[in-house]
Amino acid sequence: MRQFLLPLLLSLVLGSCTPALHRQAAPRPWLRYYHREQRKHERERRRTVKANITWSKL
């Protein structure tokens, strides 16, 4: 059962990432939320990296 479920899930995930599908379909709200979270994590990571650099220079 699991051997069948995994490729199906993978194909769904990969299929939803195609640009052609993105143009004709409205962007999903969970996708927007996911990207917002990613940006938040990215900002957080950049801040910590910057702080680490300043600390290492001391």
PDB file of N, CA and C in Angstrom:
ATOM      1  N   MET A   1       0.838  -1.209   0.000  1.00  0.00           N
ATOM      2  CA  MET A   1       0.000   0.000   0.000  1.00  0.00           C
ATOM      3  C   MET A   1       0.873   1.259   0.000  1.00  0.00           C
ATOM      4  N   ARG A   2       1.876   1.261   0.861  1.00  0.00           N
ATOM      5  CA  ARG A   2       2.723   2.444   0.973  1.00  0.00           C
ATOM      6  C   ARG A   2       3.570   2.648  -0.289  1.00  0.00           C
ATOM      7  N   GLN A   3       4.010   1.528  -0.892  1.00  0.00           N
ATOM      8  CA  GLN A   3       4.819   1.629  -2.109  1.00  0.00           C
ATOM      9  C   GLN A   3       4.040   2.305  -3.228  1.00  0.00           C
ATOM     10  N   PHE A   4       2.727   2.132  -3.203  1.00  0.00           N
ATOM     11  CA  PHE A   4       1.895   2.745  -4.234  1.00  0.00           C
ATOM     12  C   PHE A   4       1.581   4.202  -3.889  1.00  0.00           C
ATOM     13  N   LEU A   5       1.461   4.476  -2.606  1.00  0.00           N
ATOM     14  CA  LEU A   5       1.028   5.802  -2.170  1.00  0.00           C
ATOM     15  C   LEU A   5       2.125   6.851  -2.358  1.00  0.00           C
ATOM     16  N   LEU A   6       3.367   6.445  -2.138  1.00  0.00           N
ATOM     17  CA  LEU A   6       4.471   7.403  -2.189  1.00  0.00           C
ATOM     18  C   LEU A   6       4.677   8.005  -3.580  1.00  0.00           C
ATOM     19  N   PRO A   7       4.759   7.195  -4.652  1.00  0.00           N
ATOM     20  CA  PRO A   7       4.912   7.801  -5.989  1.00  0.00           C
ATOM     21  C   PRO A   7       3.726   8.668  -6.384  1.00  0.00           C
ATOM     22  N   LEU A   8       2.539   8.273  -5.936  1.00  0.00           N
ATOM     23  CA  LEU A   8       1.344   9.056  -6.243  1.00  0.00           C
ATOM     24  C   LEU A   8       1.446  10.443  -5.608  1.00  0.00           C
ATOM     25  N   LEU A   9       1.850  10.471  -4.353  1.00  0.00           N
ATOM     26  CA  LEU A   9       2.007  11.731  -3.638  1.00  0.00           C
ATOM     27  C   LEU A   9       3.087  12.584  -4.296  1.00  0.00           C
ATOM     28  N   LEU A  10       4.180  11.930  -4.677  1.00  0.00           N
ATOM     29  CA  LEU A  10       5.293  12.631  -5.307  1.00  0.00           C
ATOM     30  C   LEU A  10       4.867  13.246  -6.634  1.00  0.00           C
ATOM     31  N   SER A  11       4.102  12.466  -7.410  1.00  0.00           N
ATOM     32  CA  SER A  11       3.643  12.972  -8.706  1.00  0.00           C
ATOM     33  C   SER A  11       2.678  14.146  -8.514  1.00  0.00           C
ATOM     34  N   LEU A  12       1.868  14.084  -7.458  1.00  0.00           N
ATOM     35  CA  LEU A  12       0.954  15.191  -7.168  1.00  0.00           C
ATOM     36  C   LEU A  12       1.738  16.458  -6.832  1.00  0.00           C
ATOM     37  N   VAL A  13       2.760  16.297  -6.002  1.00  0.00           N
ATOM     38  CA  VAL A  13       3.565  17.449  -5.588  1.00  0.00           C
ATOM     39  C   VAL A  13       4.301  18.035  -6.784  1.00  0.00           C
ATOM     40  N   LEU A  14       4.900  17.165  -7.601  1.00  0.00           N
ATOM     41  CA  LEU A  14       5.648  17.644  -8.761  1.00  0.00           C
ATOM     42  C   LEU A  14       4.713  18.225  -9.810  1.00  0.00           C
ATOM     43  N   GLY A  15       3.537  17.632  -9.942  1.00  0.00           N
ATOM     44  CA  GLY A  15       2.577  18.112 -10.927  1.00  0.00           C
ATOM     45  C   GLY A  15       2.045  19.490 -10.582  1.00  0.00           C
ATOM     46  N   SER A  16       1.944  19.796  -9.297  1.00  0.00           N
ATOM     47  CA  SER A  16       1.405  21.094  -8.888  1.00  0.00           C
ATOM     48  C   SER A  16       2.433  22.205  -9.061  1.00  0.00           C
ATOM     49  N   CYS A  17       3.691  21.832  -9.321  1.00  0.00           N
ATOM     50  CA  CYS A  17       4.745  22.838  -9.440  1.00  0.00           C
ATOM     51  C   CYS A  17       4.976  23.289 -10.876  1.00  0.00           C
ATOM     52  N   THR A  18       4.266  22.699 -11.836  1.00  0.00           N
ATOM     53  CA  THR A  18       4.503  23.056 -13.235  1.00  0.00           C
ATOM     54  C   THR A  18       3.997  24.468 -13.506  1.00  0.00           C
ATOM     55  N   PRO A  19       4.781  25.270 -14.244  1.00  0.00           N
ATOM     56  CA  PRO A  19       4.396  26.662 -14.499  1.00  0.00           C
ATOM     57  C   PRO A  19       3.138  26.795 -15.349  1.00  0.00           C
ATOM     58  N   ALA A  20       2.915  25.843 -16.263  1.00  0.00           N
ATOM     59  CA  ALA A  20       1.733  25.912 -17.120  1.00  0.00           C
ATOM     60  C   ALA A  20       0.465  25.804 -16.279  1.00  0.00           C
ATOM     61  N   LEU A  21       0.500  24.935 -15.291  1.00  0.00           N
ATOM     62  CA  LEU A  21      -0.656  24.754 -14.424  1.00  0.00           C
ATOM     63  C   LEU A  21      -0.854  25.999 -13.559  1.00  0.00           C
ATOM     64  N   HIS A  22       0.250  26.636 -13.226  1.00  0.00           N
ATOM     65  CA  HIS A  22       0.181  27.799 -12.349  1.00  0.00           C
ATOM     66  C   HIS A  22      -0.473  28.981 -13.038  1.00  0.00           C
ATOM     67  N   ARG A  23      -0.254  29.097 -14.353  1.00  0.00           N
ATOM     68  CA  ARG A  23      -0.814  30.240 -15.077  1.00  0.00           C
ATOM     69  C   ARG A  23      -2.326  30.182 -15.166  1.00  0.00           C
ATOM     70  N   GLN A  24      -2.865  28.961 -15.346  1.00  0.00           N
ATOM     71  CA  GLN A  24      -4.311  28.876 -15.563  1.00  0.00           C
ATOM     72  C   GLN A  24      -5.096  28.736 -14.258  1.00  0.00           C
ATOM     73  N   ALA A  25      -4.432  28.282 -13.209  1.00  0.00           N
ATOM     74  CA  ALA A  25      -5.132  28.084 -11.942  1.00  0.00           C
ATOM     75  C   ALA A  25      -4.832  29.244 -10.996  1.00  0.00           C
ATOM     76  N   ALA A  26      -5.806  29.551 -10.162  1.00  0.00           N
ATOM     77  CA  ALA A  26      -5.589  30.585  -9.152  1.00  0.00           C
ATOM     78  C   ALA A  26      -4.602  30.063  -8.110  1.00  0.00           C
ATOM     79  N   PRO A  27      -3.692  30.910  -7.635  1.00  0.00           N
ATOM     80  CA  PRO A  27      -2.742  30.467  -6.623  1.00  0.00           C
ATOM     81  C   PRO A  27      -3.461  30.059  -5.342  1.00  0.00           C
ATOM     82  N   ARG A  28      -3.108  28.915  -4.842  1.00  0.00           N
ATOM     83  CA  ARG A  28      -3.784  28.397  -3.651  1.00  0.00           C
ATOM     84  C   ARG A  28      -3.366  29.186  -2.409  1.00  0.00           C
ATOM     85  N   PRO A  29      -4.295  29.446  -1.512  1.00  0.00           N
ATOM     86  CA  PRO A  29      -3.968  30.220  -0.303  1.00  0.00           C
ATOM     87  C   PRO A  29      -2.920  29.540   0.569  1.00  0.00           C
ATOM     88  N   TRP A  30      -2.937  28.195   0.608  1.00  0.00           N
ATOM     89  CA  TRP A  30      -1.931  27.513   1.442  1.00  0.00           C
ATOM     90  C   TRP A  30      -0.550  27.688   0.859  1.00  0.00           C
ATOM     91  N   LEU A  31      -0.494  27.815  -0.498  1.00  0.00           N
ATOM     92  CA  LEU A  31       0.793  28.005  -1.150  1.00  0.00           C
ATOM     93  C   LEU A  31       1.362  29.375  -0.790  1.00  0.00           C
ATOM     94  N   ARG A  32       0.475  30.377  -0.817  1.00  0.00           N
ATOM     95  CA  ARG A  32       0.899  31.738  -0.468  1.00  0.00           C
ATOM     96  C   ARG A  32       1.377  31.779   0.979  1.00  0.00           C
ATOM     97  N   TYR A  33       0.623  31.109   1.857  1.00  0.00           N
ATOM     98  CA  TYR A  33       0.997  31.060   3.267  1.00  0.00           C
ATOM     99  C   TYR A  33       2.348  30.387   3.441  1.00  0.00           C
ATOM    100  N   TYR A  34       2.544  29.292   2.667  1.00  0.00           N
ATOM    101  CA  TYR A  34       3.798  28.544   2.747  1.00  0.00           C
ATOM    102  C   TYR A  34       4.968  29.427   2.330  1.00  0.00           C
ATOM    103  N   HIS A  35       4.768  30.192   1.243  1.00  0.00           N
ATOM    104  CA  HIS A  35       5.838  31.065   0.778  1.00  0.00           C
ATOM    105  C   HIS A  35       6.130  32.163   1.786  1.00  0.00           C
ATOM    106  N   ARG A  36       5.071  32.671   2.423  1.00  0.00           N
ATOM    107  CA  ARG A  36       5.255  33.710   3.431  1.00  0.00           C
ATOM    108  C   ARG A  36       6.077  33.171   4.600  1.00  0.00           C
ATOM    109  N   GLU A  37       5.744  31.927   5.012  1.00  0.00           N
ATOM    110  CA  GLU A  37       6.494  31.295   6.093  1.00  0.00           C
ATOM    111  C   GLU A  37       7.953  31.118   5.695  1.00  0.00           C
ATOM    112  N   GLN A  38       8.167  30.704   4.439  1.00  0.00           N
ATOM    113  CA  GLN A  38       9.532  30.511   3.955  1.00  0.00           C
ATOM    114  C   GLN A  38      10.316  31.816   4.019  1.00  0.00           C
ATOM    115  N   ARG A  39       9.678  32.902   3.567  1.00  0.00           N
ATOM    116  CA  ARG A  39      10.344  34.203   3.610  1.00  0.00           C
ATOM    117  C   ARG A  39      10.677  34.602   5.040  1.00  0.00           C
ATOM    118  N   LYS A  40       9.746  34.298   5.954  1.00  0.00           N
ATOM    119  CA  LYS A  40       9.960  34.626   7.360  1.00  0.00           C
ATOM    120  C   LYS A  40      11.182  33.882   7.891  1.00  0.00           C
ATOM    121  N   HIS A  41      11.247  32.576   7.558  1.00  0.00           N
ATOM    122  CA  HIS A  41      12.383  31.772   8.008  1.00  0.00           C
ATOM    123  C   HIS A  41      13.678  32.289   7.388  1.00  0.00           C
ATOM    124  N   GLU A  42      13.578  32.707   6.124  1.00  0.00           N
ATOM    125  CA  GLU A  42      14.758  33.215   5.420  1.00  0.00           C
ATOM    126  C   GLU A  42      15.269  34.483   6.108  1.00  0.00           C
ATOM    127  N   ARG A  43      14.348  35.400   6.433  1.00  0.00           N
ATOM    128  CA  ARG A  43      14.738  36.623   7.149  1.00  0.00           C
ATOM    129  C   ARG A  43      15.391  36.293   8.479  1.00  0.00           C
ATOM    130  N   GLU A  44      14.760  35.352   9.186  1.00  0.00           N
ATOM    131  CA  GLU A  44      15.274  34.955  10.492  1.00  0.00           C
ATOM    132  C   GLU A  44      16.692  34.399  10.363  1.00  0.00           C
ATOM    133  N   ARG A  45      16.879  33.553   9.344  1.00  0.00           N
ATOM    134  CA  ARG A  45      18.184  32.929   9.140  1.00  0.00           C
ATOM    135  C   ARG A  45      19.226  33.982   8.786  1.00  0.00           C
ATOM    136  N   ARG A  46      18.842  34.944   7.939  1.00  0.00           N
ATOM    137  CA  ARG A  46      19.774  35.986   7.537  1.00  0.00           C
ATOM    138  C   ARG A  46      20.203  36.807   8.745  1.00  0.00           C
ATOM    139  N   ARG A  47      19.230  37.091   9.619  1.00  0.00           N
ATOM    140  CA  ARG A  47      19.522  37.868  10.820  1.00  0.00           C
ATOM    141  C   ARG A  47      20.519  37.127  11.702  1.00  0.00           C
ATOM    142  N   THR A  48      20.284  35.810  11.874  1.00  0.00           N
ATOM    143  CA  THR A  48      21.184  35.036  12.733  1.00  0.00           C
ATOM    144  C   THR A  48      22.569  34.958  12.116  1.00  0.00           C
ATOM    145  N   VAL A  49      22.641  34.824  10.789  1.00  0.00           N
ATOM    146  CA  VAL A  49      23.941  34.779  10.119  1.00  0.00           C
ATOM    147  C   VAL A  49      24.677  36.090  10.330  1.00  0.00           C
ATOM    148  N   LYS A  50      23.966  37.199  10.168  1.00  0.00           N
ATOM    149  CA  LYS A  50      24.564  38.513  10.358  1.00  0.00           C
ATOM    150  C   LYS A  50      25.086  38.659  11.788  1.00  0.00           C
ATOM    151  N   ALA A  51      24.266  38.216  12.742  1.00  0.00           N
ATOM    152  CA  ALA A  51      24.660  38.296  14.149  1.00  0.00           C
ATOM    153  C   ALA A  51      25.889  37.432  14.402  1.00  0.00           C
ATOM    154  N   ASN A  52      25.922  36.246  13.785  1.00  0.00           N
ATOM    155  CA  ASN A  52      27.066  35.356  13.973  1.00  0.00           C
ATOM    156  C   ASN A  52      28.337  35.979  13.412  1.00  0.00           C
ATOM    157  N   ILE A  53      28.212  36.650  12.277  1.00  0.00           N
ATOM    158  CA  ILE A  53      29.383  37.285  11.670  1.00  0.00           C
ATOM    159  C   ILE A  53      29.901  38.387  12.579  1.00  0.00           C
ATOM    160  N   THR A  54      28.988  39.219  13.110  1.00  0.00           N
ATOM    161  CA  THR A  54      29.425  40.313  13.977  1.00  0.00           C
ATOM    162  C   THR A  54      30.047  39.773  15.257  1.00  0.00           C
ATOM    163  N   TRP A  55      29.490  38.674  15.772  1.00  0.00           N
ATOM    164  CA  TRP A  55      30.055  38.099  16.988  1.00  0.00           C
ATOM    165  C   TRP A  55      31.435  37.513  16.727  1.00  0.00           C
ATOM    166  N   SER A  56      31.603  36.907  15.549  1.00  0.00           N
ATOM    167  CA  SER A  56      32.892  36.274  15.266  1.00  0.00           C
ATOM    168  C   SER A  56      33.977  37.325  15.039  1.00  0.00           C
ATOM    169  N   LYS A  57      33.581  38.535  14.636  1.00  0.00           N
ATOM    170  CA  LYS A  57      34.572  39.592  14.406  1.00  0.00           C
ATOM    171  C   LYS A  57      35.070  40.185  15.718  1.00  0.00           C
ATOM    172  N   LEU A  58      34.318  40.059  16.769  1.00  0.00           N
ATOM    173  CA  LEU A  58      34.718  40.633  18.057  1.00  0.00           C
ATOM    174  C   LEU A  58      35.919  39.911  18.644  1.00  0.00           C
TER     175      LEU A  58
END
